[in-house]
Protein backbone atom coordinates (compact mmCIF):
# COMPACT_ATOMS: atom_id res chain seq x y z
CA MET A 1 23.02 11.69 20.05
CA ASP A 2 25.40 11.30 17.10
CA PHE A 3 23.60 8.10 16.12
CA PHE A 4 20.25 9.90 16.05
CA LEU A 5 21.66 12.82 14.04
CA GLN A 6 23.22 10.41 11.54
CA ALA A 7 19.89 8.63 11.08
CA LEU A 8 18.14 11.99 10.71
CA ILE A 9 20.58 13.20 8.06
CA ASP A 10 20.30 9.93 6.14
CA GLY A 11 16.51 10.24 6.30
CA VAL A 12 16.53 13.80 4.96
CA LEU A 13 18.85 12.85 2.09
CA ARG A 14 16.60 9.91 1.23
CA GLY A 15 13.44 11.98 1.66
CA GLY A 16 14.59 14.57 -0.88
CA LEU A 17 14.64 11.91 -3.59
CA TYR A 18 11.36 10.42 -2.36
CA ALA A 19 9.79 13.87 -2.67
CA LEU A 20 10.89 14.09 -6.31
CA ILE A 21 9.25 10.73 -7.01
CA GLY A 22 6.05 11.76 -5.23
CA ILE A 23 5.74 15.17 -6.91
CA GLY A 24 5.36 13.58 -10.33
CA MET A 25 2.48 11.37 -9.22
CA ALA A 26 0.90 14.24 -7.25
CA LEU A 27 0.91 16.48 -10.33
CA ILE A 28 -0.76 13.84 -12.49
CA MET A 29 -3.30 13.04 -9.79
CA GLY A 30 -4.08 16.72 -9.17
CA VAL A 31 -4.67 17.66 -12.80
CA MET A 32 -5.96 14.43 -14.38
CA ARG A 33 -7.64 12.90 -11.31
CA ILE A 34 -6.12 9.49 -12.02
CA ILE A 35 -3.58 7.30 -10.25
CA ASN A 36 -0.67 6.56 -12.56
CA LEU A 37 0.25 2.98 -11.68
CA ALA A 38 2.97 3.00 -14.35
CA HIS A 39 4.88 5.66 -12.41
CA GLY A 40 7.61 3.33 -11.14
CA ASP A 41 8.02 1.77 -14.58
CA LEU A 42 8.62 5.19 -16.11
CA MET A 43 11.30 5.66 -13.47
CA MET A 44 12.81 2.35 -14.57
CA VAL A 45 12.97 3.68 -18.15
CA GLY A 46 14.82 6.75 -16.89
CA MET A 47 17.28 4.52 -15.06
CA TYR A 48 17.97 2.53 -18.22
CA VAL A 49 18.62 5.79 -20.10
CA ALA A 50 21.16 6.76 -17.43
CA PHE A 51 22.71 3.28 -17.49
CA TRP A 52 23.22 3.18 -21.25
CA MET A 53 24.47 6.77 -21.38
CA PHE A 54 27.10 5.78 -18.82
CA THR A 55 27.93 2.44 -20.45
CA LEU A 56 28.12 3.62 -24.06
CA PHE A 57 29.34 7.20 -23.74
CA GLY A 58 30.70 7.49 -20.19
CA ILE A 59 28.14 10.16 -19.28
CA ASP A 60 27.67 10.53 -15.53
CA PRO A 61 24.16 9.54 -14.30
CA TYR A 62 23.65 13.00 -12.82
CA VAL A 63 24.37 14.59 -16.20
CA SER A 64 22.01 12.05 -17.79
CA VAL A 65 19.14 13.90 -16.10
CA LEU A 66 19.43 16.44 -18.92
CA ILE A 67 18.90 13.64 -21.45
CA ALA A 68 16.42 11.36 -19.68
CA SER A 69 14.00 14.10 -18.56
CA PRO A 70 13.21 15.39 -22.09
CA LEU A 71 12.94 11.81 -23.41
CA LEU A 72 10.55 10.84 -20.60
CA PHE A 73 8.58 14.07 -21.14
CA PHE A 74 7.92 13.16 -24.77
CA LEU A 75 7.15 9.55 -23.81
CA GLY A 76 4.68 10.81 -21.19
CA THR A 77 2.94 13.18 -23.60
CA PHE A 78 2.73 10.37 -26.18
CA LEU A 79 1.15 7.99 -23.67
CA GLN A 80 -1.32 10.60 -22.50
CA LYS A 81 -2.36 11.79 -25.97
CA PHE A 82 -2.66 8.48 -27.78
CA LEU A 83 -3.52 6.00 -25.01
CA ILE A 84 -4.88 7.62 -21.84
CA ASN A 85 -6.83 10.54 -23.32
CA PRO A 86 -8.95 8.37 -25.68
CA VAL A 87 -9.84 6.12 -22.73
CA LEU A 88 -10.84 9.15 -20.64
CA LYS A 89 -13.41 10.08 -23.30
CA VAL A 90 -15.08 6.65 -23.37
CA ASP A 91 -18.06 5.90 -21.13
CA SER A 92 -17.52 2.59 -19.39
CA ILE A 93 -18.98 0.42 -16.66
CA LEU A 94 -15.62 0.88 -14.94
CA PRO A 95 -15.23 4.65 -14.32
CA GLN A 96 -11.56 4.15 -13.41
CA ASN A 97 -10.65 2.23 -16.55
CA GLN A 98 -7.83 4.72 -17.19
CA VAL A 99 -6.15 3.47 -14.01
CA ILE A 100 -6.31 -0.07 -15.36
CA LEU A 101 -4.74 1.24 -18.56
CA THR A 102 -1.75 2.60 -16.64
CA VAL A 103 -1.28 -0.87 -15.11
CA GLY A 104 -1.13 -2.27 -18.64
CA ILE A 105 1.34 0.43 -19.71
CA GLY A 106 3.57 -0.49 -16.78
CA MET A 107 3.44 -4.17 -17.69
CA VAL A 108 4.34 -3.41 -21.31
CA LEU A 109 7.31 -1.25 -20.27
CA THR A 110 8.56 -3.93 -17.88
CA ASN A 111 8.31 -6.70 -20.46
CA LEU A 112 9.92 -4.61 -23.19
CA ALA A 113 12.84 -3.87 -20.86
CA THR A 114 13.16 -7.59 -20.11
CA ILE A 115 13.14 -8.47 -23.83
CA PHE A 116 15.69 -5.86 -24.86
CA PHE A 117 17.93 -5.70 -21.78
CA THR A 118 17.34 -9.11 -20.07
CA SER A 119 16.51 -9.38 -16.39
CA ASN A 120 20.11 -9.05 -15.21
CA TYR A 121 20.94 -6.63 -12.43
CA ARG A 122 22.91 -3.63 -13.65
CA SER A 123 24.65 -0.66 -12.06
CA THR A 124 26.82 2.33 -12.89
CA PRO A 125 30.20 1.88 -11.16
CA VAL A 126 30.98 5.58 -10.73
CA SER A 127 34.25 6.41 -8.97
CA TYR A 128 32.53 8.24 -6.10
CA LYS A 129 29.96 5.51 -5.33
CA THR A 130 31.44 4.66 -1.91
CA SER A 131 32.91 8.10 -1.19
CA ALA A 132 31.86 10.05 1.89
CA TRP A 133 32.40 13.39 3.57
CA TYR A 134 33.35 13.38 7.24
CA LEU A 135 32.08 16.45 9.04
CA THR A 136 35.01 16.39 11.49
CA ASP A 137 37.40 16.95 8.56
CA TYR A 138 35.92 20.42 8.10
CA TRP A 139 34.93 21.25 11.68
CA GLN A 140 36.94 19.70 14.50
CA SER A 141 34.27 20.14 17.20
CA ALA A 142 31.43 18.88 14.99
CA PRO A 143 29.55 15.63 15.74
CA ASP A 144 31.06 12.51 14.20
CA LEU A 145 28.74 12.44 11.18
CA ILE A 146 29.21 11.00 7.69
CA LEU A 147 27.62 12.29 4.49
CA SER A 148 27.51 9.91 1.53
CA VAL A 149 28.78 11.75 -1.55
CA PRO A 150 26.26 10.27 -4.06
CA ARG A 151 23.33 10.69 -1.68
CA THR A 152 24.29 14.30 -0.95
CA ILE A 153 24.62 15.12 -4.65
CA THR A 154 21.31 13.35 -5.28
CA PHE A 155 19.63 15.46 -2.60
CA ALA A 156 21.10 18.68 -4.00
CA CYS A 157 19.92 17.79 -7.53
CA SER A 158 16.45 16.99 -6.18
CA VAL A 159 16.26 20.40 -4.50
CA VAL A 160 17.31 22.18 -7.70
CA ILE A 161 14.76 20.27 -9.81
CA THR A 162 12.01 20.92 -7.26
CA LEU A 163 12.78 24.66 -7.16
CA ALA A 164 12.79 24.79 -10.96
CA LEU A 165 9.39 23.08 -11.04
CA TRP A 166 8.04 25.50 -8.41
CA PHE A 167 9.24 28.45 -10.51
CA PHE A 168 7.63 26.95 -13.63
CA LEU A 169 4.28 26.36 -11.93
CA SER A 170 4.27 29.74 -10.16
CA LYS A 171 5.72 32.16 -12.69
CA THR A 172 4.91 30.91 -16.20
CA ASP A 173 1.59 31.08 -18.03
CA VAL A 174 1.60 27.34 -18.73
CA GLY A 175 2.36 26.60 -15.09
CA LYS A 176 -0.47 28.84 -13.91
CA SER A 177 -2.81 27.11 -16.36
CA ILE A 178 -1.79 23.73 -14.95
CA ARG A 179 -2.51 24.96 -11.41
CA ALA A 180 -5.87 26.37 -12.51
CA THR A 181 -6.80 23.05 -14.12
CA SER A 182 -5.84 21.25 -10.92
CA GLN A 183 -7.82 23.59 -8.65
CA ASP A 184 -11.05 23.94 -10.66
CA LEU A 185 -11.48 22.23 -14.03
CA ASP A 186 -14.75 23.99 -14.95
CA ALA A 187 -13.42 27.43 -14.06
CA ALA A 188 -10.28 26.77 -16.09
CA LEU A 189 -12.41 25.83 -19.11
CA LEU A 190 -14.46 29.03 -18.72
CA MET A 191 -11.27 31.09 -18.59
CA GLY A 192 -10.16 29.63 -21.93
CA VAL A 193 -7.54 27.20 -20.67
CA ASN A 194 -6.86 24.35 -23.07
CA VAL A 195 -7.46 21.60 -20.53
CA GLN A 196 -6.54 18.75 -22.87
CA ARG A 197 -3.19 20.37 -23.60
CA MET A 198 -2.56 21.00 -19.91
CA ARG A 199 -3.27 17.36 -19.14
CA MET A 200 -0.83 16.24 -21.79
CA ILE A 201 1.89 18.57 -20.51
CA THR A 202 1.22 17.52 -16.91
CA PHE A 203 1.59 13.82 -17.68
CA GLY A 204 4.79 14.62 -19.55
CA LEU A 205 6.07 16.61 -16.58
CA GLY A 206 5.24 13.78 -14.19
CA ALA A 207 7.13 11.33 -16.41
CA ALA A 208 10.08 13.74 -16.73
CA LEU A 209 10.30 14.17 -12.96
CA VAL A 210 10.28 10.47 -12.22
CA GLY A 211 12.75 9.92 -15.08
CA ALA A 212 15.07 12.45 -13.42
CA ALA A 213 14.61 10.59 -10.14
CA GLY A 214 15.63 7.39 -11.92
CA CYS A 215 18.90 8.98 -13.06
CA LEU A 216 19.57 10.23 -9.54
CA PHE A 217 18.95 6.72 -8.21
CA MET A 218 21.53 5.05 -10.47
CA PRO A 219 24.73 5.80 -8.49
CA ASN A 220 23.10 4.37 -5.35
CA PHE A 221 21.02 1.38 -6.46
CA TYR A 222 20.88 -1.58 -8.83
CA LEU A 223 18.66 -1.65 -11.91
CA TYR A 224 16.46 -4.46 -13.29
CA PRO A 225 13.26 -4.44 -15.39
CA ALA A 226 10.82 -5.21 -12.55
CA LEU A 227 12.14 -2.35 -10.41
CA GLY A 228 9.08 -0.22 -11.09
CA ALA A 229 6.84 -2.49 -9.02
CA GLN A 230 8.83 -1.41 -5.97
CA TYR A 231 8.57 2.34 -6.48
CA THR A 232 5.00 2.80 -7.72
CA PRO A 233 3.58 1.93 -4.25
CA LEU A 234 6.20 4.22 -2.70
CA ALA A 235 5.06 7.16 -4.86
CA PHE A 236 1.43 6.35 -4.00
CA VAL A 237 2.17 6.35 -0.25
CA ILE A 238 3.94 9.71 -0.55
CA THR A 239 1.00 11.16 -2.49
CA ILE A 240 -1.53 9.95 0.08
CA LEU A 241 0.64 11.14 2.96
CA GLY A 242 1.13 14.55 1.38
CA GLY A 243 -2.48 14.96 0.27
CA LEU A 244 -3.95 14.05 -3.11
CA GLY A 245 -2.59 16.34 -5.80
CA SER A 246 -0.68 18.62 -3.41
CA PHE A 247 2.74 19.81 -4.63
CA VAL A 248 3.92 21.04 -1.23
CA GLY A 249 2.34 18.04 0.49
CA ALA A 250 4.32 15.65 -1.73
CA ILE A 251 7.57 17.39 -0.76
CA VAL A 252 6.83 17.25 2.96
CA GLY A 253 5.43 13.72 2.63
CA GLY A 254 8.61 12.51 0.92
CA LEU A 255 10.79 14.01 3.64
CA VAL A 256 8.61 12.58 6.42
CA LEU A 257 8.65 9.10 4.87
CA GLY A 258 12.41 9.23 4.31
CA ILE A 259 13.09 10.19 7.93
CA PHE A 260 10.57 7.64 9.20
CA GLU A 261 12.20 4.81 7.24
CA SER A 262 15.68 5.87 8.31
CA MET A 263 14.69 5.82 11.98
CA ILE A 264 13.11 2.38 11.64
CA GLU A 265 16.26 1.02 10.00
CA ALA A 266 18.47 2.63 12.65
CA TYR A 267 16.54 1.60 15.76
CA ILE A 268 14.67 -1.57 14.71
CA SER A 269 15.81 -3.30 11.51
CA MET A 270 16.26 -2.60 7.79
CA GLY A 271 13.71 -5.31 7.00
CA TRP A 272 10.99 -3.34 8.77
CA ALA A 273 11.22 -0.28 6.49
CA PRO A 274 8.66 -1.59 3.90
CA ALA A 275 6.31 -2.49 6.74
CA GLY A 276 6.79 1.03 8.07
CA ARG A 277 5.54 2.43 4.77
CA PHE A 278 2.39 0.35 5.10
CA LEU A 279 1.85 1.46 8.69
CA ILE A 280 2.23 5.15 7.87
CA PHE A 281 -0.08 4.69 4.87
CA VAL A 282 -2.82 3.10 6.98
CA ALA A 283 -2.35 5.65 9.78
CA THR A 284 -2.73 8.51 7.30
CA LEU A 285 -5.97 7.09 5.89
CA MET A 286 -7.37 6.54 9.39
CA PHE A 287 -6.31 9.71 11.20
CA LEU A 288 -5.38 12.23 8.50
CA PRO A 289 -7.37 11.40 5.36
CA GLY A 290 -6.62 14.80 3.84
CA GLY A 291 -2.88 14.25 4.23
CA ILE A 292 -0.32 16.81 5.27
CA ALA A 293 -1.88 19.28 2.81
CA SER A 294 -4.97 19.49 5.02
CA LEU A 295 -2.80 20.46 8.00
CA LEU A 296 -1.05 23.13 5.95
CA HIS A 297 -4.43 24.44 4.79
CA LYS A 298 -5.73 24.65 8.36
CA ALA A 299 -2.53 26.45 9.43
CA ARG A 300 -3.03 29.07 6.68
CA ILE A 301 -6.67 29.57 7.70
CA GLY A 302 -5.60 29.92 11.33
CA LYS A 303 -3.33 32.80 10.44
């Protein structure tokens, strides 16, 4: 039983960070109706910001979130305004040419990182990297469970960022305008919402979120320029699993995928985790094409 609980806890801690990665792509997909295939590469940029802040100034990667997120927000708004938005306005034989553009943006970011920082693996050797909390130290009769210090802090930061985003989208005028644009573009236009501005802000928010995720990743993982190619498919799987453009669905989808991967690693093999992502992706398309968001919608209607 302790083994199962340990795998479950590890999956939840991992899933919290996965959710943060997925939310950014879900926001962009919900408002702009495009798949941002440069998502993982933007995360890589955030990781390099955290790495250099630690290397040059000794700033902890978790504190670097406060630096990387604004930088990635401005980078995201720049990309949307000057690259993606002009392509959206052009009639083309390929209606999804903006998706191809994001592939090109990702390739440019990867190659620029390789030119400036080389392809060497890098990390932030923080003092608490291998630290852990033992539950029995605080509660004698508790199960023999271990909580990784960096993963627990990462999960807590992810929860705080997610709650802040929920408050922004629910309680502010800009957030409500973003939600209106996502739900019904024509109605938002009729109500006087500046759709172009909301799209720019949304892409910036998506970039800021994944940049924050990159900083939270740094104490746990290695960094190299091609890292983005690993996490863009992950964000896409979470978005499909949660339901296209669904904020709540991305959160639940990230947690589900994190727990699913953790169980596969615990009971089968670590090498099967990527295959597990593919299986859950295919299963979602076959049996739950609307994602978890469709189940949540049906549950609300049922009430």
